[in-house]
Amino acid sequence: MSETHRITVDPSQCGGRPCLRGLRIRVRDVLDLLAAGADRAEILADYPLLEEGDITAALEYAARQSDHPVLRVA
């Protein structure tokens, strides 16, 4: 089951950037931590308001943003 329902966008919070569950923790923050080599346990320890599903939601959100149709020229 998708966890993207955890992603919220509020123009009055974090400049309208995607956040997790209305918290002031941006999807980008979680993705940056993962890219830097942090594992889920480290992120959850550093951000006690986050839940395991929030990390999954951030990854799903990023995957969907990078998806695009491939057009083939005949």
C-alpha atoms as a PDB file:
ATOM      1  CA  MET A   1       0.000   0.000   0.000  1.00  0.00           C
ATOM      2  CA  SER A   2       1.227   3.461  -0.838  1.00  0.00           C
ATOM      3  CA  GLU A   3       2.321   5.793   1.929  1.00  0.00           C
ATOM      4  CA  THR A   4       2.115   8.984  -0.137  1.00  0.00           C
ATOM      5  CA  HIS A   5      -0.964  10.085   1.827  1.00  0.00           C
ATOM      6  CA  ARG A   6       1.598  11.210   4.424  1.00  0.00           C
ATOM      7  CA  ILE A   7       2.885  13.933   2.083  1.00  0.00           C
ATOM      8  CA  THR A   8       1.359  17.347   2.700  1.00  0.00           C
ATOM      9  CA  VAL A   9       1.752  20.622   0.853  1.00  0.00           C
ATOM     10  CA  ASP A  10       0.728  23.816   2.594  1.00  0.00           C
ATOM     11  CA  PRO A  11       1.588  27.167   0.979  1.00  0.00           C
ATOM     12  CA  SER A  12       2.023  28.713   4.433  1.00  0.00           C
ATOM     13  CA  GLN A  13       4.497  26.079   5.607  1.00  0.00           C
ATOM     14  CA  CYS A  14       8.076  25.587   4.374  1.00  0.00           C
ATOM     15  CA  GLY A  15       7.397  27.734   1.326  1.00  0.00           C
ATOM     16  CA  GLY A  16       4.834  25.268   0.012  1.00  0.00           C
ATOM     17  CA  ARG A  17       7.390  22.491  -0.301  1.00  0.00           C
ATOM     18  CA  PRO A  18       6.240  18.902   0.300  1.00  0.00           C
ATOM     19  CA  CYS A  19       6.429  17.949   3.983  1.00  0.00           C
ATOM     20  CA  LEU A  20       5.618  14.883   6.012  1.00  0.00           C
ATOM     21  CA  ARG A  21       2.286  14.746   7.867  1.00  0.00           C
ATOM     22  CA  GLY A  22       2.061  18.510   8.283  1.00  0.00           C
ATOM     23  CA  LEU A  23       5.324  18.590  10.213  1.00  0.00           C
ATOM     24  CA  ARG A  24       8.009  21.062   9.294  1.00  0.00           C
ATOM     25  CA  ILE A  25      10.152  18.205   8.035  1.00  0.00           C
ATOM     26  CA  ARG A  26      10.463  18.417   4.282  1.00  0.00           C
ATOM     27  CA  VAL A  27      10.545  15.393   1.991  1.00  0.00           C
ATOM     28  CA  ARG A  28      13.785  16.822   0.659  1.00  0.00           C
ATOM     29  CA  ASP A  29      15.354  16.732   4.140  1.00  0.00           C
ATOM     30  CA  VAL A  30      14.695  13.014   4.465  1.00  0.00           C
ATOM     31  CA  LEU A  31      15.930  12.326   0.936  1.00  0.00           C
ATOM     32  CA  ASP A  32      19.123  14.302   1.579  1.00  0.00           C
ATOM     33  CA  LEU A  33      19.789  12.280   4.723  1.00  0.00           C
ATOM     34  CA  LEU A  34      19.293   9.003   2.861  1.00  0.00           C
ATOM     35  CA  ALA A  35      21.531  10.176   0.019  1.00  0.00           C
ATOM     36  CA  ALA A  36      24.235  11.055   2.554  1.00  0.00           C
ATOM     37  CA  GLY A  37      24.189   7.486   3.843  1.00  0.00           C
ATOM     38  CA  ALA A  38      21.959   7.745   6.900  1.00  0.00           C
ATOM     39  CA  ASP A  39      19.852   4.672   7.497  1.00  0.00           C
ATOM     40  CA  ARG A  40      16.238   4.629   8.607  1.00  0.00           C
ATOM     41  CA  ALA A  41      17.099   4.000  12.251  1.00  0.00           C
ATOM     42  CA  GLU A  42      19.415   7.035  12.356  1.00  0.00           C
ATOM     43  CA  ILE A  43      16.803   9.288  10.789  1.00  0.00           C
ATOM     44  CA  LEU A  44      14.103   8.114  13.177  1.00  0.00           C
ATOM     45  CA  ALA A  45      16.450   8.654  16.132  1.00  0.00           C
ATOM     46  CA  ASP A  46      17.320  12.190  14.984  1.00  0.00           C
ATOM     47  CA  TYR A  47      13.696  13.088  14.186  1.00  0.00           C
ATOM     48  CA  PRO A  48      11.520  11.428  16.847  1.00  0.00           C
ATOM     49  CA  LEU A  49       8.305  12.831  15.321  1.00  0.00           C
ATOM     50  CA  LEU A  50       8.903  10.830  12.148  1.00  0.00           C
ATOM     51  CA  GLU A  51       7.571   7.337  11.631  1.00  0.00           C
ATOM     52  CA  GLU A  52       8.891   4.523   9.452  1.00  0.00           C
ATOM     53  CA  GLY A  53       6.103   5.128   6.933  1.00  0.00           C
ATOM     54  CA  ASP A  54       7.214   8.745   6.527  1.00  0.00           C
ATOM     55  CA  ILE A  55      10.559   7.625   5.130  1.00  0.00           C
ATOM     56  CA  THR A  56       8.831   5.249   2.751  1.00  0.00           C
ATOM     57  CA  ALA A  57       6.502   8.069   1.699  1.00  0.00           C
ATOM     58  CA  ALA A  58       9.450  10.340   0.917  1.00  0.00           C
ATOM     59  CA  LEU A  59      11.021   7.656  -1.273  1.00  0.00           C
ATOM     60  CA  GLU A  60       7.731   6.940  -3.057  1.00  0.00           C
ATOM     61  CA  TYR A  61       7.178  10.646  -3.648  1.00  0.00           C
ATOM     62  CA  ALA A  62      10.647  11.039  -5.152  1.00  0.00           C
ATOM     63  CA  ALA A  63      10.173   7.996  -7.364  1.00  0.00           C
ATOM     64  CA  ARG A  64       6.894   9.333  -8.701  1.00  0.00           C
ATOM     65  CA  GLN A  65       8.388  12.763  -9.376  1.00  0.00           C
ATOM     66  CA  SER A  66      11.159  11.263 -11.475  1.00  0.00           C
ATOM     67  CA  ASP A  67       8.822   9.081 -13.540  1.00  0.00           C
ATOM     68  CA  HIS A  68       8.135  10.327 -17.035  1.00  0.00           C
ATOM     69  CA  PRO A  69       6.815   8.803 -20.222  1.00  0.00           C
ATOM     70  CA  VAL A  70       9.320   7.636 -22.791  1.00  0.00           C
ATOM     71  CA  LEU A  71       8.356   8.683 -26.289  1.00  0.00           C
ATOM     72  CA  ARG A  72       9.704   6.700 -29.180  1.00  0.00           C
ATOM     73  CA  VAL A  73      10.208   8.183 -32.582  1.00  0.00           C
ATOM     74  CA  ALA A  74       9.015   5.898 -35.366  1.00  0.00           C
END
